[in-house]
Amino acid sequence: APTADVADQISIHVEDIAAGHAALHIRNENSTIVKLYQQAHITDAPGDTAANNATTINAILTALENNGLLASA
């Protein structure tokens, strides 16, 4: 995996995200890394309540953050 940033370029490499499960990683010039892999299924919320919907939305936000598609707080 690359360890230094290069101006106006990206680097593409592969790393394990779990034992026996490699994924494509794309690193941009400010060290942000986007990981390309299939996220596990997010269970449907049991019933249409605000609390259950919030749980599902939080799971989706976590998946986006794990893939590097959304910055974490």
C-alpha atoms as a PDB file:
ATOM      1  CA  ALA A   1       0.000   0.000   0.000  1.00  0.00           C
ATOM      2  CA  PRO A   2       1.251   3.475  -0.795  1.00  0.00           C
ATOM      3  CA  THR A   3       2.436   5.494   2.189  1.00  0.00           C
ATOM      4  CA  ALA A   4       2.923   8.942   0.648  1.00  0.00           C
ATOM      5  CA  ASP A   5       0.582  11.328  -1.121  1.00  0.00           C
ATOM      6  CA  VAL A   6       1.382  12.510  -4.636  1.00  0.00           C
ATOM      7  CA  ALA A   7       0.045  15.856  -5.890  1.00  0.00           C
ATOM      8  CA  ASP A   8      -2.620  15.728  -8.598  1.00  0.00           C
ATOM      9  CA  GLN A   9      -2.658  11.920  -8.710  1.00  0.00           C
ATOM     10  CA  ILE A  10      -4.310   8.905  -7.152  1.00  0.00           C
ATOM     11  CA  SER A  11      -2.899   5.525  -6.260  1.00  0.00           C
ATOM     12  CA  ILE A  12      -4.754   2.260  -6.662  1.00  0.00           C
ATOM     13  CA  HIS A  13      -3.866  -0.792  -4.624  1.00  0.00           C
ATOM     14  CA  VAL A  14      -5.411  -3.855  -3.007  1.00  0.00           C
ATOM     15  CA  GLU A  15      -5.557  -4.561   0.723  1.00  0.00           C
ATOM     16  CA  ASP A  16      -7.338  -7.069   2.911  1.00  0.00           C
ATOM     17  CA  ILE A  17     -10.436  -5.682   4.609  1.00  0.00           C
ATOM     18  CA  ALA A  18     -10.841  -8.976   6.472  1.00  0.00           C
ATOM     19  CA  ALA A  19      -8.972 -12.269   6.530  1.00  0.00           C
ATOM     20  CA  GLY A  20      -9.165 -13.733   3.030  1.00  0.00           C
ATOM     21  CA  HIS A  21     -11.127 -10.784   1.637  1.00  0.00           C
ATOM     22  CA  ALA A  22      -9.180  -8.267  -0.421  1.00  0.00           C
ATOM     23  CA  ALA A  23     -10.653  -5.059  -1.801  1.00  0.00           C
ATOM     24  CA  LEU A  24      -9.627  -2.339  -4.207  1.00  0.00           C
ATOM     25  CA  HIS A  25      -8.444   0.834  -2.443  1.00  0.00           C
ATOM     26  CA  ILE A  26      -8.135   4.223  -4.128  1.00  0.00           C
ATOM     27  CA  ARG A  27      -6.088   6.884  -2.320  1.00  0.00           C
ATOM     28  CA  ASN A  28      -6.253  10.518  -3.401  1.00  0.00           C
ATOM     29  CA  GLU A  29      -3.741  13.276  -2.829  1.00  0.00           C
ATOM     30  CA  ASN A  30      -5.111  14.253   0.597  1.00  0.00           C
ATOM     31  CA  SER A  31      -4.906  10.678   1.978  1.00  0.00           C
ATOM     32  CA  THR A  32      -8.630   9.961   1.629  1.00  0.00           C
ATOM     33  CA  ILE A  33      -9.146   6.286   0.806  1.00  0.00           C
ATOM     34  CA  VAL A  34     -12.192   4.872  -0.971  1.00  0.00           C
ATOM     35  CA  LYS A  35     -12.649   1.107  -0.690  1.00  0.00           C
ATOM     36  CA  LEU A  36     -14.570  -0.836  -3.307  1.00  0.00           C
ATOM     37  CA  TYR A  37     -16.252  -3.924  -1.897  1.00  0.00           C
ATOM     38  CA  GLN A  38     -19.713  -5.376  -1.421  1.00  0.00           C
ATOM     39  CA  GLN A  39     -21.175  -4.406   1.938  1.00  0.00           C
ATOM     40  CA  ALA A  40     -23.091  -7.048   3.874  1.00  0.00           C
ATOM     41  CA  HIS A  41     -26.886  -6.859   3.667  1.00  0.00           C
ATOM     42  CA  ILE A  42     -28.535  -4.352   5.980  1.00  0.00           C
ATOM     43  CA  THR A  43     -31.532  -5.935   7.653  1.00  0.00           C
ATOM     44  CA  ASP A  44     -34.865  -4.304   6.910  1.00  0.00           C
ATOM     45  CA  ALA A  45     -36.325  -2.358   9.819  1.00  0.00           C
ATOM     46  CA  PRO A  46     -39.007  -4.362  11.667  1.00  0.00           C
ATOM     47  CA  GLY A  47     -42.011  -2.093  11.270  1.00  0.00           C
ATOM     48  CA  ASP A  48     -42.345   1.493  10.181  1.00  0.00           C
ATOM     49  CA  THR A  49     -41.431   3.485  13.264  1.00  0.00           C
ATOM     50  CA  ALA A  50     -39.102   6.440  13.637  1.00  0.00           C
ATOM     51  CA  ALA A  51     -36.738   4.440  15.871  1.00  0.00           C
ATOM     52  CA  ASN A  52     -36.536   1.519  13.433  1.00  0.00           C
ATOM     53  CA  ASN A  53     -36.042   3.847  10.481  1.00  0.00           C
ATOM     54  CA  ALA A  54     -33.267   5.663  12.363  1.00  0.00           C
ATOM     55  CA  THR A  55     -31.547   2.312  12.995  1.00  0.00           C
ATOM     56  CA  THR A  56     -31.626   1.497   9.280  1.00  0.00           C
ATOM     57  CA  ILE A  57     -30.395   4.960   8.299  1.00  0.00           C
ATOM     58  CA  ASN A  58     -27.520   4.701  10.792  1.00  0.00           C
ATOM     59  CA  ALA A  59     -26.538   1.313   9.328  1.00  0.00           C
ATOM     60  CA  ILE A  60     -26.480   2.835   5.835  1.00  0.00           C
ATOM     61  CA  LEU A  61     -24.387   5.786   7.058  1.00  0.00           C
ATOM     62  CA  THR A  62     -21.916   3.373   8.676  1.00  0.00           C
ATOM     63  CA  ALA A  63     -21.616   1.398   5.429  1.00  0.00           C
ATOM     64  CA  LEU A  64     -20.936   4.576   3.440  1.00  0.00           C
ATOM     65  CA  GLU A  65     -18.310   5.677   5.975  1.00  0.00           C
ATOM     66  CA  ASN A  66     -16.634   2.242   5.933  1.00  0.00           C
ATOM     67  CA  ASN A  67     -16.334   2.395   2.139  1.00  0.00           C
ATOM     68  CA  GLY A  68     -14.882   5.904   2.327  1.00  0.00           C
ATOM     69  CA  LEU A  69     -17.768   7.388   0.353  1.00  0.00           C
ATOM     70  CA  LEU A  70     -18.856   9.558   3.277  1.00  0.00           C
ATOM     71  CA  ALA A  71     -16.578  11.288   5.765  1.00  0.00           C
ATOM     72  CA  SER A  72     -17.047  10.196   9.363  1.00  0.00           C
ATOM     73  CA  ALA A  73     -17.742  12.757  12.060  1.00  0.00           C
END
